[in-house]
């Protein structure tokens, strides 16, 4: 699939570097 590179899975790579945590 493409869910990690184009969908919700991008959080695995980008979220640790964001200032605000992801929402529910």
PDBML (XML) file of the C-alpha atoms, coordinates in Angstrom:
<?xml version="1.0" encoding="UTF-8" ?>
<PDBx:datablock datablockName="MODEL"
   xmlns:PDBx="http://pdbml.pdb.org/schema/pdbx-v50.xsd"
   xmlns:xsi="http://www.w3.org/2001/XMLSchema-instance"
   xsi:schemaLocation="http://pdbml.pdb.org/schema/pdbx-v50.xsd pdbx-v50.xsd">
   <PDBx:atom_siteCategory>
      <PDBx:atom_site id="1">
         <PDBx:B_iso_or_equiv>0.00</PDBx:B_iso_or_equiv>
         <PDBx:Cartn_x>0.000</PDBx:Cartn_x>
         <PDBx:Cartn_y>0.000</PDBx:Cartn_y>
         <PDBx:Cartn_z>0.000</PDBx:Cartn_z>
         <PDBx:auth_asym_id>A</PDBx:auth_asym_id>
         <PDBx:auth_atom_id>CA</PDBx:auth_atom_id>
         <PDBx:auth_comp_id>UNK</PDBx:auth_comp_id>
         <PDBx:auth_seq_id>1</PDBx:auth_seq_id>
         <PDBx:group_PDB>ATOM</PDBx:group_PDB>
         <PDBx:label_alt_id xsi:nil="true" />
         <PDBx:label_asym_id>A</PDBx:label_asym_id>
         <PDBx:label_atom_id>CA</PDBx:label_atom_id>
         <PDBx:label_comp_id>UNK</PDBx:label_comp_id>
         <PDBx:label_entity_id>1</PDBx:label_entity_id>
         <PDBx:label_seq_id>1</PDBx:label_seq_id>
         <PDBx:occupancy>1.00</PDBx:occupancy>
         <PDBx:pdbx_PDB_model_num>1</PDBx:pdbx_PDB_model_num>
         <PDBx:type_symbol>C</PDBx:type_symbol>
      </PDBx:atom_site>
      <PDBx:atom_site id="2">
         <PDBx:B_iso_or_equiv>0.00</PDBx:B_iso_or_equiv>
         <PDBx:Cartn_x>0.947</PDBx:Cartn_x>
         <PDBx:Cartn_y>3.666</PDBx:Cartn_y>
         <PDBx:Cartn_z>0.199</PDBx:Cartn_z>
         <PDBx:auth_asym_id>A</PDBx:auth_asym_id>
         <PDBx:auth_atom_id>CA</PDBx:auth_atom_id>
         <PDBx:auth_comp_id>UNK</PDBx:auth_comp_id>
         <PDBx:auth_seq_id>2</PDBx:auth_seq_id>
         <PDBx:group_PDB>ATOM</PDBx:group_PDB>
         <PDBx:label_alt_id xsi:nil="true" />
         <PDBx:label_asym_id>A</PDBx:label_asym_id>
         <PDBx:label_atom_id>CA</PDBx:label_atom_id>
         <PDBx:label_comp_id>UNK</PDBx:label_comp_id>
         <PDBx:label_entity_id>1</PDBx:label_entity_id>
         <PDBx:label_seq_id>2</PDBx:label_seq_id>
         <PDBx:occupancy>1.00</PDBx:occupancy>
         <PDBx:pdbx_PDB_model_num>1</PDBx:pdbx_PDB_model_num>
         <PDBx:type_symbol>C</PDBx:type_symbol>
      </PDBx:atom_site>
      <PDBx:atom_site id="3">
         <PDBx:B_iso_or_equiv>0.00</PDBx:B_iso_or_equiv>
         <PDBx:Cartn_x>-0.483</PDBx:Cartn_x>
         <PDBx:Cartn_y>4.442</PDBx:Cartn_y>
         <PDBx:Cartn_z>3.636</PDBx:Cartn_z>
         <PDBx:auth_asym_id>A</PDBx:auth_asym_id>
         <PDBx:auth_atom_id>CA</PDBx:auth_atom_id>
         <PDBx:auth_comp_id>UNK</PDBx:auth_comp_id>
         <PDBx:auth_seq_id>3</PDBx:auth_seq_id>
         <PDBx:group_PDB>ATOM</PDBx:group_PDB>
         <PDBx:label_alt_id xsi:nil="true" />
         <PDBx:label_asym_id>A</PDBx:label_asym_id>
         <PDBx:label_atom_id>CA</PDBx:label_atom_id>
         <PDBx:label_comp_id>UNK</PDBx:label_comp_id>
         <PDBx:label_entity_id>1</PDBx:label_entity_id>
         <PDBx:label_seq_id>3</PDBx:label_seq_id>
         <PDBx:occupancy>1.00</PDBx:occupancy>
         <PDBx:pdbx_PDB_model_num>1</PDBx:pdbx_PDB_model_num>
         <PDBx:type_symbol>C</PDBx:type_symbol>
      </PDBx:atom_site>
      <PDBx:atom_site id="4">
         <PDBx:B_iso_or_equiv>0.00</PDBx:B_iso_or_equiv>
         <PDBx:Cartn_x>2.843</PDBx:Cartn_x>
         <PDBx:Cartn_y>5.011</PDBx:Cartn_y>
         <PDBx:Cartn_z>5.319</PDBx:Cartn_z>
         <PDBx:auth_asym_id>A</PDBx:auth_asym_id>
         <PDBx:auth_atom_id>CA</PDBx:auth_atom_id>
         <PDBx:auth_comp_id>UNK</PDBx:auth_comp_id>
         <PDBx:auth_seq_id>4</PDBx:auth_seq_id>
         <PDBx:group_PDB>ATOM</PDBx:group_PDB>
         <PDBx:label_alt_id xsi:nil="true" />
         <PDBx:label_asym_id>A</PDBx:label_asym_id>
         <PDBx:label_atom_id>CA</PDBx:label_atom_id>
         <PDBx:label_comp_id>UNK</PDBx:label_comp_id>
         <PDBx:label_entity_id>1</PDBx:label_entity_id>
         <PDBx:label_seq_id>4</PDBx:label_seq_id>
         <PDBx:occupancy>1.00</PDBx:occupancy>
         <PDBx:pdbx_PDB_model_num>1</PDBx:pdbx_PDB_model_num>
         <PDBx:type_symbol>C</PDBx:type_symbol>
      </PDBx:atom_site>
      <PDBx:atom_site id="5">
         <PDBx:B_iso_or_equiv>0.00</PDBx:B_iso_or_equiv>
         <PDBx:Cartn_x>4.539</PDBx:Cartn_x>
         <PDBx:Cartn_y>7.294</PDBx:Cartn_y>
         <PDBx:Cartn_z>2.816</PDBx:Cartn_z>
         <PDBx:auth_asym_id>A</PDBx:auth_asym_id>
         <PDBx:auth_atom_id>CA</PDBx:auth_atom_id>
         <PDBx:auth_comp_id>UNK</PDBx:auth_comp_id>
         <PDBx:auth_seq_id>5</PDBx:auth_seq_id>
         <PDBx:group_PDB>ATOM</PDBx:group_PDB>
         <PDBx:label_alt_id xsi:nil="true" />
         <PDBx:label_asym_id>A</PDBx:label_asym_id>
         <PDBx:label_atom_id>CA</PDBx:label_atom_id>
         <PDBx:label_comp_id>UNK</PDBx:label_comp_id>
         <PDBx:label_entity_id>1</PDBx:label_entity_id>
         <PDBx:label_seq_id>5</PDBx:label_seq_id>
         <PDBx:occupancy>1.00</PDBx:occupancy>
         <PDBx:pdbx_PDB_model_num>1</PDBx:pdbx_PDB_model_num>
         <PDBx:type_symbol>C</PDBx:type_symbol>
      </PDBx:atom_site>
      <PDBx:atom_site id="6">
         <PDBx:B_iso_or_equiv>0.00</PDBx:B_iso_or_equiv>
         <PDBx:Cartn_x>1.395</PDBx:Cartn_x>
         <PDBx:Cartn_y>9.142</PDBx:Cartn_y>
         <PDBx:Cartn_z>1.705</PDBx:Cartn_z>
         <PDBx:auth_asym_id>A</PDBx:auth_asym_id>
         <PDBx:auth_atom_id>CA</PDBx:auth_atom_id>
         <PDBx:auth_comp_id>UNK</PDBx:auth_comp_id>
         <PDBx:auth_seq_id>6</PDBx:auth_seq_id>
         <PDBx:group_PDB>ATOM</PDBx:group_PDB>
         <PDBx:label_alt_id xsi:nil="true" />
         <PDBx:label_asym_id>A</PDBx:label_asym_id>
         <PDBx:label_atom_id>CA</PDBx:label_atom_id>
         <PDBx:label_comp_id>UNK</PDBx:label_comp_id>
         <PDBx:label_entity_id>1</PDBx:label_entity_id>
         <PDBx:label_seq_id>6</PDBx:label_seq_id>
         <PDBx:occupancy>1.00</PDBx:occupancy>
         <PDBx:pdbx_PDB_model_num>1</PDBx:pdbx_PDB_model_num>
         <PDBx:type_symbol>C</PDBx:type_symbol>
      </PDBx:atom_site>
      <PDBx:atom_site id="7">
         <PDBx:B_iso_or_equiv>0.00</PDBx:B_iso_or_equiv>
         <PDBx:Cartn_x>-1.126</PDBx:Cartn_x>
         <PDBx:Cartn_y>8.669</PDBx:Cartn_y>
         <PDBx:Cartn_z>4.519</PDBx:Cartn_z>
         <PDBx:auth_asym_id>A</PDBx:auth_asym_id>
         <PDBx:auth_atom_id>CA</PDBx:auth_atom_id>
         <PDBx:auth_comp_id>UNK</PDBx:auth_comp_id>
         <PDBx:auth_seq_id>7</PDBx:auth_seq_id>
         <PDBx:group_PDB>ATOM</PDBx:group_PDB>
         <PDBx:label_alt_id xsi:nil="true" />
         <PDBx:label_asym_id>A</PDBx:label_asym_id>
         <PDBx:label_atom_id>CA</PDBx:label_atom_id>
         <PDBx:label_comp_id>UNK</PDBx:label_comp_id>
         <PDBx:label_entity_id>1</PDBx:label_entity_id>
         <PDBx:label_seq_id>7</PDBx:label_seq_id>
         <PDBx:occupancy>1.00</PDBx:occupancy>
         <PDBx:pdbx_PDB_model_num>1</PDBx:pdbx_PDB_model_num>
         <PDBx:type_symbol>C</PDBx:type_symbol>
      </PDBx:atom_site>
      <PDBx:atom_site id="8">
         <PDBx:B_iso_or_equiv>0.00</PDBx:B_iso_or_equiv>
         <PDBx:Cartn_x>-1.363</PDBx:Cartn_x>
         <PDBx:Cartn_y>8.508</PDBx:Cartn_y>
         <PDBx:Cartn_z>8.288</PDBx:Cartn_z>
         <PDBx:auth_asym_id>A</PDBx:auth_asym_id>
         <PDBx:auth_atom_id>CA</PDBx:auth_atom_id>
         <PDBx:auth_comp_id>UNK</PDBx:auth_comp_id>
         <PDBx:auth_seq_id>8</PDBx:auth_seq_id>
         <PDBx:group_PDB>ATOM</PDBx:group_PDB>
         <PDBx:label_alt_id xsi:nil="true" />
         <PDBx:label_asym_id>A</PDBx:label_asym_id>
         <PDBx:label_atom_id>CA</PDBx:label_atom_id>
         <PDBx:label_comp_id>UNK</PDBx:label_comp_id>
         <PDBx:label_entity_id>1</PDBx:label_entity_id>
         <PDBx:label_seq_id>8</PDBx:label_seq_id>
         <PDBx:occupancy>1.00</PDBx:occupancy>
         <PDBx:pdbx_PDB_model_num>1</PDBx:pdbx_PDB_model_num>
         <PDBx:type_symbol>C</PDBx:type_symbol>
      </PDBx:atom_site>
      <PDBx:atom_site id="9">
         <PDBx:B_iso_or_equiv>0.00</PDBx:B_iso_or_equiv>
         <PDBx:Cartn_x>1.910</PDBx:Cartn_x>
         <PDBx:Cartn_y>6.588</PDBx:Cartn_y>
         <PDBx:Cartn_z>8.488</PDBx:Cartn_z>
         <PDBx:auth_asym_id>A</PDBx:auth_asym_id>
         <PDBx:auth_atom_id>CA</PDBx:auth_atom_id>
         <PDBx:auth_comp_id>UNK</PDBx:auth_comp_id>
         <PDBx:auth_seq_id>9</PDBx:auth_seq_id>
         <PDBx:group_PDB>ATOM</PDBx:group_PDB>
         <PDBx:label_alt_id xsi:nil="true" />
         <PDBx:label_asym_id>A</PDBx:label_asym_id>
         <PDBx:label_atom_id>CA</PDBx:label_atom_id>
         <PDBx:label_comp_id>UNK</PDBx:label_comp_id>
         <PDBx:label_entity_id>1</PDBx:label_entity_id>
         <PDBx:label_seq_id>9</PDBx:label_seq_id>
         <PDBx:occupancy>1.00</PDBx:occupancy>
         <PDBx:pdbx_PDB_model_num>1</PDBx:pdbx_PDB_model_num>
         <PDBx:type_symbol>C</PDBx:type_symbol>
      </PDBx:atom_site>
      <PDBx:atom_site id="10">
         <PDBx:B_iso_or_equiv>0.00</PDBx:B_iso_or_equiv>
         <PDBx:Cartn_x>3.893</PDBx:Cartn_x>
         <PDBx:Cartn_y>9.757</PDBx:Cartn_y>
         <PDBx:Cartn_z>7.828</PDBx:Cartn_z>
         <PDBx:auth_asym_id>A</PDBx:auth_asym_id>
         <PDBx:auth_atom_id>CA</PDBx:auth_atom_id>
         <PDBx:auth_comp_id>UNK</PDBx:auth_comp_id>
         <PDBx:auth_seq_id>10</PDBx:auth_seq_id>
         <PDBx:group_PDB>ATOM</PDBx:group_PDB>
         <PDBx:label_alt_id xsi:nil="true" />
         <PDBx:label_asym_id>A</PDBx:label_asym_id>
         <PDBx:label_atom_id>CA</PDBx:label_atom_id>
         <PDBx:label_comp_id>UNK</PDBx:label_comp_id>
         <PDBx:label_entity_id>1</PDBx:label_entity_id>
         <PDBx:label_seq_id>10</PDBx:label_seq_id>
         <PDBx:occupancy>1.00</PDBx:occupancy>
         <PDBx:pdbx_PDB_model_num>1</PDBx:pdbx_PDB_model_num>
         <PDBx:type_symbol>C</PDBx:type_symbol>
      </PDBx:atom_site>
      <PDBx:atom_site id="11">
         <PDBx:B_iso_or_equiv>0.00</PDBx:B_iso_or_equiv>
         <PDBx:Cartn_x>3.470</PDBx:Cartn_x>
         <PDBx:Cartn_y>10.470</PDBx:Cartn_y>
         <PDBx:Cartn_z>11.539</PDBx:Cartn_z>
         <PDBx:auth_asym_id>A</PDBx:auth_asym_id>
         <PDBx:auth_atom_id>CA</PDBx:auth_atom_id>
         <PDBx:auth_comp_id>UNK</PDBx:auth_comp_id>
         <PDBx:auth_seq_id>11</PDBx:auth_seq_id>
         <PDBx:group_PDB>ATOM</PDBx:group_PDB>
         <PDBx:label_alt_id xsi:nil="true" />
         <PDBx:label_asym_id>A</PDBx:label_asym_id>
         <PDBx:label_atom_id>CA</PDBx:label_atom_id>
         <PDBx:label_comp_id>UNK</PDBx:label_comp_id>
         <PDBx:label_entity_id>1</PDBx:label_entity_id>
         <PDBx:label_seq_id>11</PDBx:label_seq_id>
         <PDBx:occupancy>1.00</PDBx:occupancy>
         <PDBx:pdbx_PDB_model_num>1</PDBx:pdbx_PDB_model_num>
         <PDBx:type_symbol>C</PDBx:type_symbol>
      </PDBx:atom_site>
      <PDBx:atom_site id="12">
         <PDBx:B_iso_or_equiv>0.00</PDBx:B_iso_or_equiv>
         <PDBx:Cartn_x>6.042</PDBx:Cartn_x>
         <PDBx:Cartn_y>7.771</PDBx:Cartn_y>
         <PDBx:Cartn_z>12.282</PDBx:Cartn_z>
         <PDBx:auth_asym_id>A</PDBx:auth_asym_id>
         <PDBx:auth_atom_id>CA</PDBx:auth_atom_id>
         <PDBx:auth_comp_id>UNK</PDBx:auth_comp_id>
         <PDBx:auth_seq_id>12</PDBx:auth_seq_id>
         <PDBx:group_PDB>ATOM</PDBx:group_PDB>
         <PDBx:label_alt_id xsi:nil="true" />
         <PDBx:label_asym_id>A</PDBx:label_asym_id>
         <PDBx:label_atom_id>CA</PDBx:label_atom_id>
         <PDBx:label_comp_id>UNK</PDBx:label_comp_id>
         <PDBx:label_entity_id>1</PDBx:label_entity_id>
         <PDBx:label_seq_id>12</PDBx:label_seq_id>
         <PDBx:occupancy>1.00</PDBx:occupancy>
         <PDBx:pdbx_PDB_model_num>1</PDBx:pdbx_PDB_model_num>
         <PDBx:type_symbol>C</PDBx:type_symbol>
      </PDBx:atom_site>
      <PDBx:atom_site id="13">
         <PDBx:B_iso_or_equiv>0.00</PDBx:B_iso_or_equiv>
         <PDBx:Cartn_x>8.744</PDBx:Cartn_x>
         <PDBx:Cartn_y>9.834</PDBx:Cartn_y>
         <PDBx:Cartn_z>10.581</PDBx:Cartn_z>
         <PDBx:auth_asym_id>A</PDBx:auth_asym_id>
         <PDBx:auth_atom_id>CA</PDBx:auth_atom_id>
         <PDBx:auth_comp_id>UNK</PDBx:auth_comp_id>
         <PDBx:auth_seq_id>13</PDBx:auth_seq_id>
         <PDBx:group_PDB>ATOM</PDBx:group_PDB>
         <PDBx:label_alt_id xsi:nil="true" />
         <PDBx:label_asym_id>A</PDBx:label_asym_id>
         <PDBx:label_atom_id>CA</PDBx:label_atom_id>
         <PDBx:label_comp_id>UNK</PDBx:label_comp_id>
         <PDBx:label_entity_id>1</PDBx:label_entity_id>
         <PDBx:label_seq_id>13</PDBx:label_seq_id>
         <PDBx:occupancy>1.00</PDBx:occupancy>
         <PDBx:pdbx_PDB_model_num>1</PDBx:pdbx_PDB_model_num>
         <PDBx:type_symbol>C</PDBx:type_symbol>
      </PDBx:atom_site>
      <PDBx:atom_site id="14">
         <PDBx:B_iso_or_equiv>0.00</PDBx:B_iso_or_equiv>
         <PDBx:Cartn_x>7.598</PDBx:Cartn_x>
         <PDBx:Cartn_y>13.423</PDBx:Cartn_y>
         <PDBx:Cartn_z>11.152</PDBx:Cartn_z>
         <PDBx:auth_asym_id>A</PDBx:auth_asym_id>
         <PDBx:auth_atom_id>CA</PDBx:auth_atom_id>
         <PDBx:auth_comp_id>UNK</PDBx:auth_comp_id>
         <PDBx:auth_seq_id>14</PDBx:auth_seq_id>
         <PDBx:group_PDB>ATOM</PDBx:group_PDB>
         <PDBx:label_alt_id xsi:nil="true" />
         <PDBx:label_asym_id>A</PDBx:label_asym_id>
         <PDBx:label_atom_id>CA</PDBx:label_atom_id>
         <PDBx:label_comp_id>UNK</PDBx:label_comp_id>
         <PDBx:label_entity_id>1</PDBx:label_entity_id>
         <PDBx:label_seq_id>14</PDBx:label_seq_id>
         <PDBx:occupancy>1.00</PDBx:occupancy>
         <PDBx:pdbx_PDB_model_num>1</PDBx:pdbx_PDB_model_num>
         <PDBx:type_symbol>C</PDBx:type_symbol>
      </PDBx:atom_site>
      <PDBx:atom_site id="15">
         <PDBx:B_iso_or_equiv>0.00</PDBx:B_iso_or_equiv>
         <PDBx:Cartn_x>5.814</PDBx:Cartn_x>
         <PDBx:Cartn_y>13.537</PDBx:Cartn_y>
         <PDBx:Cartn_z>14.520</PDBx:Cartn_z>
         <PDBx:auth_asym_id>A</PDBx:auth_asym_id>
         <PDBx:auth_atom_id>CA</PDBx:auth_atom_id>
         <PDBx:auth_comp_id>UNK</PDBx:auth_comp_id>
         <PDBx:auth_seq_id>15</PDBx:auth_seq_id>
         <PDBx:group_PDB>ATOM</PDBx:group_PDB>
         <PDBx:label_alt_id xsi:nil="true" />
         <PDBx:label_asym_id>A</PDBx:label_asym_id>
         <PDBx:label_atom_id>CA</PDBx:label_atom_id>
         <PDBx:label_comp_id>UNK</PDBx:label_comp_id>
         <PDBx:label_entity_id>1</PDBx:label_entity_id>
         <PDBx:label_seq_id>15</PDBx:label_seq_id>
         <PDBx:occupancy>1.00</PDBx:occupancy>
         <PDBx:pdbx_PDB_model_num>1</PDBx:pdbx_PDB_model_num>
         <PDBx:type_symbol>C</PDBx:type_symbol>
      </PDBx:atom_site>
      <PDBx:atom_site id="16">
         <PDBx:B_iso_or_equiv>0.00</PDBx:B_iso_or_equiv>
         <PDBx:Cartn_x>8.908</PDBx:Cartn_x>
         <PDBx:Cartn_y>13.274</PDBx:Cartn_y>
         <PDBx:Cartn_z>16.750</PDBx:Cartn_z>
         <PDBx:auth_asym_id>A</PDBx:auth_asym_id>
         <PDBx:auth_atom_id>CA</PDBx:auth_atom_id>
         <PDBx:auth_comp_id>UNK</PDBx:auth_comp_id>
         <PDBx:auth_seq_id>16</PDBx:auth_seq_id>
         <PDBx:group_PDB>ATOM</PDBx:group_PDB>
         <PDBx:label_alt_id xsi:nil="true" />
         <PDBx:label_asym_id>A</PDBx:label_asym_id>
         <PDBx:label_atom_id>CA</PDBx:label_atom_id>
         <PDBx:label_comp_id>UNK</PDBx:label_comp_id>
         <PDBx:label_entity_id>1</PDBx:label_entity_id>
         <PDBx:label_seq_id>16</PDBx:label_seq_id>
         <PDBx:occupancy>1.00</PDBx:occupancy>
         <PDBx:pdbx_PDB_model_num>1</PDBx:pdbx_PDB_model_num>
         <PDBx:type_symbol>C</PDBx:type_symbol>
      </PDBx:atom_site>
      <PDBx:atom_site id="17">
         <PDBx:B_iso_or_equiv>0.00</PDBx:B_iso_or_equiv>
         <PDBx:Cartn_x>10.129</PDBx:Cartn_x>
         <PDBx:Cartn_y>16.555</PDBx:Cartn_y>
         <PDBx:Cartn_z>15.224</PDBx:Cartn_z>
         <PDBx:auth_asym_id>A</PDBx:auth_asym_id>
         <PDBx:auth_atom_id>CA</PDBx:auth_atom_id>
         <PDBx:auth_comp_id>UNK</PDBx:auth_comp_id>
         <PDBx:auth_seq_id>17</PDBx:auth_seq_id>
         <PDBx:group_PDB>ATOM</PDBx:group_PDB>
         <PDBx:label_alt_id xsi:nil="true" />
         <PDBx:label_asym_id>A</PDBx:label_asym_id>
         <PDBx:label_atom_id>CA</PDBx:label_atom_id>
         <PDBx:label_comp_id>UNK</PDBx:label_comp_id>
         <PDBx:label_entity_id>1</PDBx:label_entity_id>
         <PDBx:label_seq_id>17</PDBx:label_seq_id>
         <PDBx:occupancy>1.00</PDBx:occupancy>
         <PDBx:pdbx_PDB_model_num>1</PDBx:pdbx_PDB_model_num>
         <PDBx:type_symbol>C</PDBx:type_symbol>
      </PDBx:atom_site>
      <PDBx:atom_site id="18">
         <PDBx:B_iso_or_equiv>0.00</PDBx:B_iso_or_equiv>
         <PDBx:Cartn_x>6.854</PDBx:Cartn_x>
         <PDBx:Cartn_y>18.479</PDBx:Cartn_y>
         <PDBx:Cartn_z>15.513</PDBx:Cartn_z>
         <PDBx:auth_asym_id>A</PDBx:auth_asym_id>
         <PDBx:auth_atom_id>CA</PDBx:auth_atom_id>
         <PDBx:auth_comp_id>UNK</PDBx:auth_comp_id>
         <PDBx:auth_seq_id>18</PDBx:auth_seq_id>
         <PDBx:group_PDB>ATOM</PDBx:group_PDB>
         <PDBx:label_alt_id xsi:nil="true" />
         <PDBx:label_asym_id>A</PDBx:label_asym_id>
         <PDBx:label_atom_id>CA</PDBx:label_atom_id>
         <PDBx:label_comp_id>UNK</PDBx:label_comp_id>
         <PDBx:label_entity_id>1</PDBx:label_entity_id>
         <PDBx:label_seq_id>18</PDBx:label_seq_id>
         <PDBx:occupancy>1.00</PDBx:occupancy>
         <PDBx:pdbx_PDB_model_num>1</PDBx:pdbx_PDB_model_num>
         <PDBx:type_symbol>C</PDBx:type_symbol>
      </PDBx:atom_site>
      <PDBx:atom_site id="19">
         <PDBx:B_iso_or_equiv>0.00</PDBx:B_iso_or_equiv>
         <PDBx:Cartn_x>6.216</PDBx:Cartn_x>
         <PDBx:Cartn_y>20.891</PDBx:Cartn_y>
         <PDBx:Cartn_z>18.356</PDBx:Cartn_z>
         <PDBx:auth_asym_id>A</PDBx:auth_asym_id>
         <PDBx:auth_atom_id>CA</PDBx:auth_atom_id>
         <PDBx:auth_comp_id>UNK</PDBx:auth_comp_id>
         <PDBx:auth_seq_id>19</PDBx:auth_seq_id>
         <PDBx:group_PDB>ATOM</PDBx:group_PDB>
         <PDBx:label_alt_id xsi:nil="true" />
         <PDBx:label_asym_id>A</PDBx:label_asym_id>
         <PDBx:label_atom_id>CA</PDBx:label_atom_id>
         <PDBx:label_comp_id>UNK</PDBx:label_comp_id>
         <PDBx:label_entity_id>1</PDBx:label_entity_id>
         <PDBx:label_seq_id>19</PDBx:label_seq_id>
         <PDBx:occupancy>1.00</PDBx:occupancy>
         <PDBx:pdbx_PDB_model_num>1</PDBx:pdbx_PDB_model_num>
         <PDBx:type_symbol>C</PDBx:type_symbol>
      </PDBx:atom_site>
      <PDBx:atom_site id="20">
         <PDBx:B_iso_or_equiv>0.00</PDBx:B_iso_or_equiv>
         <PDBx:Cartn_x>2.606</PDBx:Cartn_x>
         <PDBx:Cartn_y>19.852</PDBx:Cartn_y>
         <PDBx:Cartn_z>18.874</PDBx:Cartn_z>
         <PDBx:auth_asym_id>A</PDBx:auth_asym_id>
         <PDBx:auth_atom_id>CA</PDBx:auth_atom_id>
         <PDBx:auth_comp_id>UNK</PDBx:auth_comp_id>
         <PDBx:auth_seq_id>20</PDBx:auth_seq_id>
         <PDBx:group_PDB>ATOM</PDBx:group_PDB>
         <PDBx:label_alt_id xsi:nil="true" />
         <PDBx:label_asym_id>A</PDBx:label_asym_id>
         <PDBx:label_atom_id>CA</PDBx:label_atom_id>
         <PDBx:label_comp_id>UNK</PDBx:label_comp_id>
         <PDBx:label_entity_id>1</PDBx:label_entity_id>
         <PDBx:label_seq_id>20</PDBx:label_seq_id>
         <PDBx:occupancy>1.00</PDBx:occupancy>
         <PDBx:pdbx_PDB_model_num>1</PDBx:pdbx_PDB_model_num>
         <PDBx:type_symbol>C</PDBx:type_symbol>
      </PDBx:atom_site>
      <PDBx:atom_site id="21">
         <PDBx:B_iso_or_equiv>0.00</PDBx:B_iso_or_equiv>
         <PDBx:Cartn_x>1.700</PDBx:Cartn_x>
         <PDBx:Cartn_y>16.249</PDBx:Cartn_y>
         <PDBx:Cartn_z>19.556</PDBx:Cartn_z>
         <PDBx:auth_asym_id>A</PDBx:auth_asym_id>
         <PDBx:auth_atom_id>CA</PDBx:auth_atom_id>
         <PDBx:auth_comp_id>UNK</PDBx:auth_comp_id>
         <PDBx:auth_seq_id>21</PDBx:auth_seq_id>
         <PDBx:group_PDB>ATOM</PDBx:group_PDB>
         <PDBx:label_alt_id xsi:nil="true" />
         <PDBx:label_asym_id>A</PDBx:label_asym_id>
         <PDBx:label_atom_id>CA</PDBx:label_atom_id>
         <PDBx:label_comp_id>UNK</PDBx:label_comp_id>
         <PDBx:label_entity_id>1</PDBx:label_entity_id>
         <PDBx:label_seq_id>21</PDBx:label_seq_id>
         <PDBx:occupancy>1.00</PDBx:occupancy>
         <PDBx:pdbx_PDB_model_num>1</PDBx:pdbx_PDB_model_num>
         <PDBx:type_symbol>C</PDBx:type_symbol>
      </PDBx:atom_site>
      <PDBx:atom_site id="22">
         <PDBx:B_iso_or_equiv>0.00</PDBx:B_iso_or_equiv>
         <PDBx:Cartn_x>-0.668</PDBx:Cartn_x>
         <PDBx:Cartn_y>14.501</PDBx:Cartn_y>
         <PDBx:Cartn_z>17.127</PDBx:Cartn_z>
         <PDBx:auth_asym_id>A</PDBx:auth_asym_id>
         <PDBx:auth_atom_id>CA</PDBx:auth_atom_id>
         <PDBx:auth_comp_id>UNK</PDBx:auth_comp_id>
         <PDBx:auth_seq_id>22</PDBx:auth_seq_id>
         <PDBx:group_PDB>ATOM</PDBx:group_PDB>
         <PDBx:label_alt_id xsi:nil="true" />
         <PDBx:label_asym_id>A</PDBx:label_asym_id>
         <PDBx:label_atom_id>CA</PDBx:label_atom_id>
         <PDBx:label_comp_id>UNK</PDBx:label_comp_id>
         <PDBx:label_entity_id>1</PDBx:label_entity_id>
         <PDBx:label_seq_id>22</PDBx:label_seq_id>
         <PDBx:occupancy>1.00</PDBx:occupancy>
         <PDBx:pdbx_PDB_model_num>1</PDBx:pdbx_PDB_model_num>
         <PDBx:type_symbol>C</PDBx:type_symbol>
      </PDBx:atom_site>
      <PDBx:atom_site id="23">
         <PDBx:B_iso_or_equiv>0.00</PDBx:B_iso_or_equiv>
         <PDBx:Cartn_x>-4.350</PDBx:Cartn_x>
         <PDBx:Cartn_y>14.593</PDBx:Cartn_y>
         <PDBx:Cartn_z>17.982</PDBx:Cartn_z>
         <PDBx:auth_asym_id>A</PDBx:auth_asym_id>
         <PDBx:auth_atom_id>CA</PDBx:auth_atom_id>
         <PDBx:auth_comp_id>UNK</PDBx:auth_comp_id>
         <PDBx:auth_seq_id>23</PDBx:auth_seq_id>
         <PDBx:group_PDB>ATOM</PDBx:group_PDB>
         <PDBx:label_alt_id xsi:nil="true" />
         <PDBx:label_asym_id>A</PDBx:label_asym_id>
         <PDBx:label_atom_id>CA</PDBx:label_atom_id>
         <PDBx:label_comp_id>UNK</PDBx:label_comp_id>
         <PDBx:label_entity_id>1</PDBx:label_entity_id>
         <PDBx:label_seq_id>23</PDBx:label_seq_id>
         <PDBx:occupancy>1.00</PDBx:occupancy>
         <PDBx:pdbx_PDB_model_num>1</PDBx:pdbx_PDB_model_num>
         <PDBx:type_symbol>C</PDBx:type_symbol>
      </PDBx:atom_site>
      <PDBx:atom_site id="24">
         <PDBx:B_iso_or_equiv>0.00</PDBx:B_iso_or_equiv>
         <PDBx:Cartn_x>-6.547</PDBx:Cartn_x>
         <PDBx:Cartn_y>11.611</PDBx:Cartn_y>
         <PDBx:Cartn_z>18.798</PDBx:Cartn_z>
         <PDBx:auth_asym_id>A</PDBx:auth_asym_id>
         <PDBx:auth_atom_id>CA</PDBx:auth_atom_id>
         <PDBx:auth_comp_id>UNK</PDBx:auth_comp_id>
         <PDBx:auth_seq_id>24</PDBx:auth_seq_id>
         <PDBx:group_PDB>ATOM</PDBx:group_PDB>
         <PDBx:label_alt_id xsi:nil="true" />
         <PDBx:label_asym_id>A</PDBx:label_asym_id>
         <PDBx:label_atom_id>CA</PDBx:label_atom_id>
         <PDBx:label_comp_id>UNK</PDBx:label_comp_id>
         <PDBx:label_entity_id>1</PDBx:label_entity_id>
         <PDBx:label_seq_id>24</PDBx:label_seq_id>
         <PDBx:occupancy>1.00</PDBx:occupancy>
         <PDBx:pdbx_PDB_model_num>1</PDBx:pdbx_PDB_model_num>
         <PDBx:type_symbol>C</PDBx:type_symbol>
      </PDBx:atom_site>
   </PDBx:atom_siteCategory>
</PDBx:datablock>
